[in-house]
N, C-alpha and C. Protein backbone atom coordinates (compact mmCIF):
# COMPACT_ATOMS: atom_id res chain seq x y z
N MET A 1 104.71 126.25 114.19
CA MET A 1 103.27 126.33 114.07
C MET A 1 102.66 124.95 114.37
N ILE A 2 101.69 124.93 115.26
CA ILE A 2 101.04 123.67 115.61
C ILE A 2 99.92 123.38 114.61
N MET A 3 99.93 122.17 114.09
CA MET A 3 98.90 121.71 113.16
C MET A 3 98.17 120.57 113.84
N LYS A 4 96.87 120.70 114.03
CA LYS A 4 96.16 119.70 114.81
C LYS A 4 95.83 118.43 114.04
N HIS A 5 96.02 118.43 112.72
CA HIS A 5 95.67 117.27 111.90
C HIS A 5 96.88 116.36 111.71
N ILE A 6 96.65 115.06 111.87
CA ILE A 6 97.69 114.05 111.67
C ILE A 6 97.16 113.02 110.68
N MET A 7 97.89 112.82 109.59
CA MET A 7 97.55 111.76 108.64
C MET A 7 98.33 110.53 109.06
N LEU A 8 97.61 109.42 109.29
CA LEU A 8 98.21 108.17 109.73
C LEU A 8 98.10 107.15 108.61
N ASP A 9 99.17 106.43 108.36
CA ASP A 9 99.11 105.33 107.41
C ASP A 9 99.89 104.16 107.98
N LEU A 10 99.30 102.98 107.86
CA LEU A 10 99.93 101.75 108.33
C LEU A 10 100.17 100.81 107.16
N GLU A 11 101.21 100.05 107.25
CA GLU A 11 101.41 98.90 106.37
C GLU A 11 101.31 97.69 107.29
N THR A 12 100.53 96.72 106.85
CA THR A 12 100.13 95.64 107.75
C THR A 12 100.21 94.27 107.07
N PHE A 13 100.00 93.24 107.87
CA PHE A 13 99.86 91.88 107.36
C PHE A 13 98.42 91.42 107.53
N GLY A 14 97.48 92.32 107.33
CA GLY A 14 96.06 92.01 107.42
C GLY A 14 95.25 93.27 107.24
N THR A 15 93.94 93.12 107.13
CA THR A 15 93.09 94.27 106.89
C THR A 15 92.06 94.49 108.00
N ARG A 16 92.21 93.78 109.09
CA ARG A 16 91.27 93.91 110.21
C ARG A 16 92.01 94.29 111.47
N PRO A 17 91.30 94.95 112.41
CA PRO A 17 91.91 95.19 113.71
C PRO A 17 92.42 93.87 114.30
N GLY A 18 93.61 93.93 114.85
CA GLY A 18 94.24 92.73 115.38
C GLY A 18 95.29 92.15 114.45
N SER A 19 95.52 92.83 113.33
CA SER A 19 96.53 92.37 112.36
C SER A 19 97.92 92.87 112.75
N VAL A 20 98.94 92.11 112.35
CA VAL A 20 100.33 92.52 112.53
C VAL A 20 100.57 93.82 111.77
N ILE A 21 101.23 94.76 112.44
CA ILE A 21 101.60 96.05 111.84
C ILE A 21 103.06 95.97 111.42
N ARG A 22 103.32 96.29 110.17
CA ARG A 22 104.71 96.27 109.66
C ARG A 22 105.38 97.62 109.83
N SER A 23 104.64 98.70 109.55
CA SER A 23 105.20 100.04 109.72
C SER A 23 104.08 101.04 109.94
N VAL A 24 104.47 102.14 110.55
CA VAL A 24 103.54 103.26 110.78
C VAL A 24 104.20 104.53 110.29
N GLY A 25 103.43 105.30 109.52
CA GLY A 25 103.88 106.60 109.05
C GLY A 25 102.82 107.63 109.39
N ALA A 26 103.26 108.83 109.73
CA ALA A 26 102.30 109.89 110.05
C ALA A 26 102.94 111.23 109.70
N VAL A 27 102.06 112.18 109.43
CA VAL A 27 102.52 113.52 109.11
C VAL A 27 101.53 114.52 109.66
N GLU A 28 102.05 115.58 110.29
CA GLU A 28 101.16 116.65 110.72
C GLU A 28 100.90 117.54 109.52
N PHE A 29 99.67 118.10 109.44
CA PHE A 29 99.33 118.92 108.29
C PHE A 29 98.18 119.86 108.61
N ASP A 30 98.02 120.86 107.74
CA ASP A 30 96.81 121.67 107.82
C ASP A 30 95.99 121.37 106.56
N LEU A 31 94.77 121.82 106.54
CA LEU A 31 93.86 121.45 105.46
C LEU A 31 94.21 122.08 104.12
N SER A 32 95.15 123.02 104.10
CA SER A 32 95.63 123.56 102.82
C SER A 32 96.63 122.61 102.16
N GLY A 33 97.10 121.62 102.93
CA GLY A 33 98.08 120.66 102.42
C GLY A 33 99.49 120.92 102.91
N LYS A 34 99.67 121.96 103.71
CA LYS A 34 101.00 122.24 104.27
C LYS A 34 101.35 121.12 105.24
N ILE A 35 102.58 120.63 105.11
CA ILE A 35 103.06 119.51 105.91
C ILE A 35 104.06 120.00 106.94
N GLY A 36 103.95 119.43 108.14
CA GLY A 36 104.89 119.73 109.21
C GLY A 36 105.78 118.54 109.48
N GLU A 37 105.93 118.19 110.74
CA GLU A 37 106.82 117.10 111.14
C GLU A 37 106.23 115.74 110.73
N THR A 38 107.14 114.79 110.55
CA THR A 38 106.74 113.44 110.15
C THR A 38 107.19 112.42 111.17
N PHE A 39 106.58 111.24 111.09
CA PHE A 39 106.93 110.12 111.95
C PHE A 39 106.94 108.86 111.09
N TYR A 40 107.96 108.03 111.27
CA TYR A 40 108.01 106.75 110.57
C TYR A 40 108.73 105.74 111.44
N ALA A 41 108.18 104.54 111.51
CA ALA A 41 108.85 103.46 112.25
C ALA A 41 108.45 102.12 111.67
N ASN A 42 109.43 101.24 111.57
CA ASN A 42 109.19 99.83 111.24
C ASN A 42 109.04 99.06 112.54
N ILE A 43 108.18 98.06 112.51
CA ILE A 43 107.87 97.31 113.73
C ILE A 43 108.32 95.86 113.57
N GLN A 44 108.92 95.32 114.61
CA GLN A 44 109.37 93.93 114.61
C GLN A 44 108.16 93.00 114.54
N HIS A 45 108.20 92.12 113.58
CA HIS A 45 107.11 91.18 113.37
C HIS A 45 106.83 90.35 114.63
N LEU A 46 107.88 89.80 115.22
CA LEU A 46 107.71 88.93 116.39
C LEU A 46 107.07 89.67 117.56
N SER A 47 107.36 90.96 117.72
CA SER A 47 106.75 91.72 118.82
C SER A 47 105.24 91.83 118.64
N CYS A 48 104.79 91.89 117.40
CA CYS A 48 103.34 91.91 117.11
C CYS A 48 102.71 90.56 117.40
N VAL A 49 103.37 89.50 116.95
CA VAL A 49 102.85 88.14 117.18
C VAL A 49 102.82 87.85 118.69
N ASP A 50 103.87 88.24 119.39
CA ASP A 50 103.92 88.04 120.85
C ASP A 50 102.79 88.78 121.56
N ALA A 51 102.33 89.88 120.97
CA ALA A 51 101.23 90.67 121.56
C ALA A 51 99.86 90.10 121.17
N GLY A 52 99.85 89.04 120.34
CA GLY A 52 98.60 88.41 119.96
C GLY A 52 98.03 88.88 118.63
N LEU A 53 98.78 89.71 117.91
CA LEU A 53 98.32 90.14 116.58
C LEU A 53 98.55 89.02 115.58
N VAL A 54 97.76 89.00 114.52
CA VAL A 54 97.78 87.88 113.59
C VAL A 54 98.13 88.31 112.17
N VAL A 55 98.53 87.30 111.40
CA VAL A 55 98.91 87.49 110.00
C VAL A 55 97.83 86.87 109.12
N ASP A 56 97.41 87.59 108.11
CA ASP A 56 96.47 87.09 107.11
C ASP A 56 97.29 86.60 105.92
N PRO A 57 97.28 85.30 105.60
CA PRO A 57 98.09 84.77 104.50
C PRO A 57 97.81 85.44 103.16
N SER A 58 96.58 85.86 102.91
CA SER A 58 96.30 86.51 101.62
C SER A 58 96.98 87.88 101.54
N THR A 59 97.15 88.55 102.68
CA THR A 59 97.87 89.83 102.67
C THR A 59 99.37 89.59 102.48
N VAL A 60 99.89 88.53 103.06
CA VAL A 60 101.30 88.17 102.85
C VAL A 60 101.54 87.92 101.36
N LYS A 61 100.63 87.19 100.72
CA LYS A 61 100.74 86.93 99.28
C LYS A 61 100.70 88.24 98.50
N TRP A 62 99.76 89.12 98.87
CA TRP A 62 99.64 90.42 98.21
C TRP A 62 100.95 91.19 98.32
N TRP A 63 101.57 91.20 99.53
CA TRP A 63 102.84 91.90 99.71
C TRP A 63 103.93 91.33 98.82
N SER A 64 103.92 90.02 98.60
CA SER A 64 104.97 89.41 97.78
C SER A 64 104.92 89.90 96.33
N GLU A 65 103.79 90.48 95.95
CA GLU A 65 103.60 90.97 94.58
C GLU A 65 103.83 92.48 94.46
N GLN A 66 104.19 93.14 95.56
CA GLN A 66 104.36 94.59 95.54
C GLN A 66 105.79 94.98 95.18
N ASP A 67 105.96 96.25 94.89
CA ASP A 67 107.24 96.81 94.48
C ASP A 67 108.33 96.53 95.52
N LYS A 68 109.51 96.21 95.04
CA LYS A 68 110.64 95.90 95.91
C LYS A 68 110.99 97.07 96.83
N ALA A 69 110.87 98.29 96.36
CA ALA A 69 111.19 99.46 97.20
C ALA A 69 110.28 99.52 98.42
N ALA A 70 109.02 99.20 98.23
CA ALA A 70 108.08 99.19 99.36
C ALA A 70 108.44 98.06 100.34
N GLN A 71 108.77 96.90 99.82
CA GLN A 71 109.11 95.77 100.68
C GLN A 71 110.43 96.00 101.42
N ASP A 72 111.42 96.56 100.73
CA ASP A 72 112.73 96.78 101.34
C ASP A 72 112.68 97.80 102.47
N ALA A 73 111.72 98.72 102.42
CA ALA A 73 111.61 99.74 103.46
C ALA A 73 111.40 99.13 104.85
N PHE A 74 110.82 97.94 104.91
CA PHE A 74 110.53 97.30 106.20
C PHE A 74 111.77 96.72 106.87
N LEU A 75 112.85 96.58 106.14
CA LEU A 75 114.00 95.83 106.64
C LEU A 75 114.88 96.61 107.61
N SER A 76 114.82 97.92 107.58
CA SER A 76 115.73 98.71 108.42
C SER A 76 115.08 99.12 109.74
N ASP A 77 115.89 99.15 110.76
CA ASP A 77 115.54 99.71 112.07
C ASP A 77 114.18 99.24 112.59
N GLN A 78 113.96 97.95 112.61
CA GLN A 78 112.71 97.41 113.16
C GLN A 78 112.75 97.50 114.68
N ARG A 79 111.64 97.98 115.26
CA ARG A 79 111.58 98.17 116.70
C ARG A 79 110.35 97.47 117.27
N PRO A 80 110.38 97.11 118.55
CA PRO A 80 109.23 96.45 119.16
C PRO A 80 107.98 97.32 119.12
N LEU A 81 106.83 96.68 118.99
CA LEU A 81 105.56 97.38 118.91
C LEU A 81 105.36 98.32 120.10
N MET A 82 105.64 97.86 121.31
CA MET A 82 105.44 98.70 122.50
C MET A 82 106.27 99.97 122.41
N GLU A 83 107.52 99.84 121.99
CA GLU A 83 108.40 101.01 121.86
C GLU A 83 107.84 101.98 120.83
N VAL A 84 107.40 101.46 119.69
CA VAL A 84 106.85 102.33 118.64
C VAL A 84 105.56 102.99 119.12
N ALA A 85 104.73 102.26 119.83
CA ALA A 85 103.49 102.83 120.35
C ALA A 85 103.79 104.01 121.27
N MET A 86 104.75 103.85 122.16
CA MET A 86 105.11 104.94 123.08
C MET A 86 105.74 106.12 122.34
N THR A 87 106.63 105.81 121.38
CA THR A 87 107.29 106.86 120.62
C THR A 87 106.29 107.64 119.78
N PHE A 88 105.36 106.92 119.16
CA PHE A 88 104.33 107.59 118.35
C PHE A 88 103.46 108.50 119.22
N THR A 89 103.02 108.01 120.37
CA THR A 89 102.19 108.82 121.25
C THR A 89 102.92 110.08 121.69
N THR A 90 104.19 109.95 122.03
CA THR A 90 105.00 111.11 122.40
C THR A 90 105.07 112.10 121.25
N TRP A 91 105.34 111.61 120.04
CA TRP A 91 105.41 112.48 118.85
C TRP A 91 104.07 113.17 118.62
N PHE A 92 102.96 112.42 118.65
CA PHE A 92 101.62 112.94 118.40
C PHE A 92 101.32 114.10 119.34
N ARG A 93 101.62 113.92 120.60
CA ARG A 93 101.36 114.97 121.60
C ARG A 93 102.30 116.15 121.42
N LYS A 94 103.57 115.87 121.10
CA LYS A 94 104.56 116.95 120.93
C LYS A 94 104.16 117.89 119.79
N VAL A 95 103.64 117.33 118.71
CA VAL A 95 103.27 118.19 117.56
C VAL A 95 101.88 118.79 117.71
N GLY A 96 101.19 118.48 118.79
CA GLY A 96 99.87 119.05 119.02
C GLY A 96 98.77 118.35 118.27
N GLY A 97 98.97 117.07 117.96
CA GLY A 97 97.96 116.32 117.23
C GLY A 97 96.63 116.28 117.97
N GLU A 98 95.59 116.41 117.21
CA GLU A 98 94.24 116.36 117.76
C GLU A 98 93.39 115.42 116.92
N CYS A 99 93.26 115.74 115.64
CA CYS A 99 92.47 114.91 114.72
C CYS A 99 93.39 113.96 113.99
N VAL A 100 93.01 112.69 113.93
CA VAL A 100 93.79 111.70 113.19
C VAL A 100 92.98 111.29 111.96
N TRP A 101 93.64 111.25 110.83
CA TRP A 101 93.02 110.89 109.56
C TRP A 101 93.56 109.55 109.09
N GLY A 102 92.70 108.80 108.43
CA GLY A 102 93.11 107.55 107.81
C GLY A 102 92.44 107.40 106.46
N GLN A 103 93.02 106.56 105.64
CA GLN A 103 92.47 106.29 104.30
C GLN A 103 91.41 105.19 104.46
N GLY A 104 90.25 105.60 104.92
CA GLY A 104 89.16 104.68 105.19
C GLY A 104 88.83 104.68 106.67
N ALA A 105 87.56 104.81 106.98
CA ALA A 105 87.13 104.89 108.38
C ALA A 105 87.42 103.61 109.15
N ASN A 106 87.56 102.50 108.45
CA ASN A 106 87.72 101.22 109.14
C ASN A 106 89.11 100.63 109.00
N PHE A 107 90.11 101.46 108.67
CA PHE A 107 91.43 100.87 108.52
C PHE A 107 92.46 101.45 109.49
N ASP A 108 93.19 102.47 109.12
CA ASP A 108 94.38 102.87 109.87
C ASP A 108 94.12 103.15 111.36
N PRO A 109 93.25 104.09 111.72
CA PRO A 109 93.05 104.31 113.16
C PRO A 109 92.56 103.07 113.92
N PRO A 110 91.55 102.33 113.43
CA PRO A 110 91.13 101.14 114.19
C PRO A 110 92.21 100.06 114.30
N LEU A 111 93.00 99.86 113.25
CA LEU A 111 94.07 98.85 113.34
C LEU A 111 95.15 99.30 114.33
N TRP A 112 95.49 100.60 114.33
CA TRP A 112 96.48 101.09 115.28
C TRP A 112 95.95 100.98 116.71
N GLU A 113 94.69 101.35 116.90
CA GLU A 113 94.09 101.25 118.23
C GLU A 113 94.15 99.81 118.75
N ALA A 114 93.83 98.84 117.91
CA ALA A 114 93.88 97.43 118.32
C ALA A 114 95.30 96.99 118.63
N ALA A 115 96.26 97.44 117.83
CA ALA A 115 97.66 97.06 118.04
C ALA A 115 98.20 97.61 119.35
N VAL A 116 97.93 98.88 119.63
CA VAL A 116 98.47 99.45 120.87
C VAL A 116 97.73 98.91 122.09
N LEU A 117 96.48 98.59 121.94
CA LEU A 117 95.74 97.96 123.04
C LEU A 117 96.35 96.59 123.36
N ALA A 118 96.83 95.89 122.34
CA ALA A 118 97.44 94.58 122.54
C ALA A 118 98.71 94.64 123.39
N VAL A 119 99.34 95.83 123.46
CA VAL A 119 100.52 96.00 124.31
C VAL A 119 100.20 96.92 125.50
N ASN A 120 98.92 96.91 125.89
CA ASN A 120 98.46 97.65 127.07
C ASN A 120 98.72 99.15 127.00
N SER A 121 98.54 99.70 125.81
CA SER A 121 98.68 101.14 125.61
C SER A 121 97.37 101.64 124.99
N SER A 122 97.36 102.86 124.56
CA SER A 122 96.16 103.40 123.92
C SER A 122 96.55 104.43 122.87
N ALA A 123 95.64 104.66 121.96
CA ALA A 123 95.87 105.67 120.92
C ALA A 123 95.82 107.06 121.56
N PRO A 124 96.59 108.00 121.05
CA PRO A 124 96.65 109.33 121.67
C PRO A 124 95.53 110.29 121.27
N TRP A 125 94.57 109.83 120.51
CA TRP A 125 93.48 110.71 120.08
C TRP A 125 92.17 110.29 120.74
N LYS A 126 91.23 111.23 120.72
CA LYS A 126 89.87 110.96 121.19
C LYS A 126 89.08 110.34 120.05
N PHE A 127 88.19 109.41 120.35
CA PHE A 127 87.47 108.70 119.30
C PHE A 127 86.67 109.65 118.40
N TRP A 128 86.24 110.75 118.93
CA TRP A 128 85.45 111.69 118.12
C TRP A 128 86.32 112.55 117.20
N ASN A 129 87.63 112.41 117.28
CA ASN A 129 88.55 113.16 116.43
C ASN A 129 89.14 112.33 115.29
N VAL A 130 88.51 111.20 114.97
CA VAL A 130 88.98 110.37 113.86
C VAL A 130 88.31 110.85 112.58
N ARG A 131 89.11 111.05 111.54
CA ARG A 131 88.62 111.56 110.26
C ARG A 131 88.96 110.56 109.16
N ASP A 132 88.19 110.62 108.06
CA ASP A 132 88.33 109.67 106.96
C ASP A 132 88.53 110.41 105.63
N THR A 133 89.63 110.13 104.96
CA THR A 133 89.93 110.78 103.68
C THR A 133 88.89 110.45 102.61
N ARG A 134 88.46 109.20 102.57
CA ARG A 134 87.55 108.78 101.49
C ARG A 134 86.21 109.49 101.56
N THR A 135 85.78 109.87 102.75
CA THR A 135 84.55 110.65 102.87
C THR A 135 84.74 112.01 102.20
N VAL A 136 85.89 112.64 102.42
CA VAL A 136 86.18 113.93 101.78
C VAL A 136 86.17 113.77 100.26
N TYR A 137 86.85 112.74 99.75
CA TYR A 137 86.89 112.54 98.30
C TYR A 137 85.47 112.39 97.74
N ASP A 138 84.65 111.62 98.44
CA ASP A 138 83.29 111.37 97.98
C ASP A 138 82.44 112.64 98.02
N ILE A 139 82.50 113.37 99.12
CA ILE A 139 81.70 114.58 99.26
C ILE A 139 82.03 115.59 98.15
N PHE A 140 83.30 115.71 97.82
CA PHE A 140 83.71 116.69 96.82
C PHE A 140 83.83 116.11 95.41
N GLY A 141 83.43 114.85 95.23
CA GLY A 141 83.48 114.24 93.91
C GLY A 141 84.88 114.22 93.34
N PHE A 142 85.86 113.97 94.20
CA PHE A 142 87.27 114.03 93.79
C PHE A 142 87.77 112.64 93.40
N ASP A 143 88.33 112.54 92.21
CA ASP A 143 88.92 111.29 91.74
C ASP A 143 90.41 111.31 92.10
N THR A 144 90.81 110.44 93.01
CA THR A 144 92.20 110.44 93.50
C THR A 144 93.21 110.15 92.40
N ARG A 145 92.76 109.58 91.29
CA ARG A 145 93.68 109.32 90.18
C ARG A 145 94.07 110.60 89.46
N ASP A 146 93.38 111.71 89.77
CA ASP A 146 93.69 112.99 89.13
C ASP A 146 94.95 113.64 89.67
N LEU A 147 95.46 113.15 90.80
CA LEU A 147 96.67 113.72 91.38
C LEU A 147 97.82 112.73 91.19
N VAL A 148 98.84 113.15 90.50
CA VAL A 148 99.97 112.28 90.18
C VAL A 148 100.71 111.88 91.45
N ARG A 149 100.99 110.61 91.55
CA ARG A 149 101.72 110.05 92.70
C ARG A 149 103.21 110.30 92.50
N LYS A 150 103.90 110.87 93.52
CA LYS A 150 105.31 111.20 93.41
C LYS A 150 106.21 110.36 94.31
N ARG A 151 105.62 109.52 95.13
CA ARG A 151 106.40 108.78 96.11
C ARG A 151 106.13 107.28 95.98
N VAL A 152 106.76 106.49 96.84
CA VAL A 152 106.65 105.04 96.79
C VAL A 152 105.27 104.58 97.29
N HIS A 153 104.59 103.79 96.47
CA HIS A 153 103.33 103.20 96.89
C HIS A 153 103.58 102.18 98.00
N HIS A 154 102.72 102.18 99.00
CA HIS A 154 102.76 101.22 100.11
C HIS A 154 103.98 101.39 101.01
N ASN A 155 104.47 102.62 101.08
CA ASN A 155 105.40 103.02 102.13
C ASN A 155 104.57 103.90 103.04
N ALA A 156 104.51 103.58 104.32
CA ALA A 156 103.57 104.25 105.22
C ALA A 156 103.74 105.78 105.24
N LEU A 157 104.96 106.27 105.28
CA LEU A 157 105.16 107.72 105.31
C LEU A 157 104.82 108.33 103.95
N ASP A 158 105.27 107.70 102.88
CA ASP A 158 104.97 108.23 101.55
C ASP A 158 103.47 108.25 101.29
N ASP A 159 102.77 107.21 101.73
CA ASP A 159 101.32 107.17 101.57
C ASP A 159 100.65 108.28 102.37
N ALA A 160 101.10 108.51 103.60
CA ALA A 160 100.51 109.57 104.43
C ALA A 160 100.70 110.94 103.77
N VAL A 161 101.88 111.20 103.25
CA VAL A 161 102.15 112.48 102.57
C VAL A 161 101.24 112.63 101.35
N HIS A 162 101.11 111.58 100.58
CA HIS A 162 100.26 111.63 99.39
C HIS A 162 98.79 111.86 99.77
N GLN A 163 98.34 111.21 100.83
CA GLN A 163 96.96 111.36 101.26
C GLN A 163 96.67 112.79 101.73
N VAL A 164 97.65 113.46 102.33
CA VAL A 164 97.49 114.88 102.68
C VAL A 164 97.26 115.69 101.41
N ALA A 165 98.06 115.43 100.38
CA ALA A 165 97.91 116.15 99.11
C ALA A 165 96.54 115.89 98.49
N LEU A 166 96.06 114.66 98.60
CA LEU A 166 94.74 114.33 98.05
C LEU A 166 93.62 115.06 98.78
N VAL A 167 93.67 115.09 100.11
CA VAL A 167 92.64 115.78 100.89
C VAL A 167 92.65 117.27 100.54
N ALA A 168 93.83 117.88 100.50
CA ALA A 168 93.93 119.31 100.17
C ALA A 168 93.38 119.58 98.77
N ALA A 169 93.70 118.72 97.81
CA ALA A 169 93.20 118.90 96.44
C ALA A 169 91.68 118.78 96.39
N ALA A 170 91.14 117.82 97.12
CA ALA A 170 89.68 117.65 97.16
C ALA A 170 89.02 118.88 97.76
N LEU A 171 89.58 119.39 98.84
CA LEU A 171 89.00 120.57 99.49
C LEU A 171 89.12 121.82 98.61
N ARG A 172 90.20 121.91 97.84
CA ARG A 172 90.36 123.05 96.92
C ARG A 172 89.30 123.01 95.82
N LYS A 173 88.84 121.82 95.52
CA LYS A 173 87.79 121.69 94.50
C LYS A 173 86.60 122.55 94.87
N GLY A 174 86.36 122.66 96.18
CA GLY A 174 85.50 123.69 96.69
C GLY A 174 84.01 123.46 96.83
N ARG A 175 83.41 122.61 96.06
CA ARG A 175 81.95 122.44 96.19
C ARG A 175 81.62 120.97 96.27
N PRO A 176 80.77 120.63 97.23
CA PRO A 176 80.36 119.22 97.32
C PRO A 176 79.70 118.75 96.02
N ALA A 177 79.92 117.48 95.71
CA ALA A 177 79.30 116.87 94.53
C ALA A 177 77.80 116.74 94.77
N SER A 178 77.04 116.69 93.72
CA SER A 178 75.59 116.48 93.83
C SER A 178 75.31 115.09 94.35
N PRO A 179 74.23 114.96 95.18
CA PRO A 179 73.91 113.63 95.71
C PRO A 179 73.48 112.66 94.65
């Protein structure tokens, strides 16, 4: 079954477009919360720096204070940014991705777009198909703390899976919050 929605999550060394990307996680899903195929890749730090992406020292400090499980996830199978960009685009198209979701309109999709542009590639979605989880939470008055977290915080794939569950829970709530 083709699911046109893709939840994207990045772990980075910065919070602005042009930041070094540490890992990318994505999951295809439908709005009921059903999950399909997943994508996860760690990215070689040097390949990002060579492409002109930058490191924010305050984000590096923040990472040093995070859970060891989240930090250790970056150590295995690191691949060059260009390779990951091509592999992700192939995966996105193979699963029939159309709409890409991120946790915040100004984070995951824009940072990924800047990173792939730095290696002369492009994001596989149309700009009008970018969606934001936080808008859904706000419209439906959904408190994300109401859904128990079952996976590793700050692991790109685990975060993407959790964000799918949050969007589905918010939509099940059923009625927009009062303005």
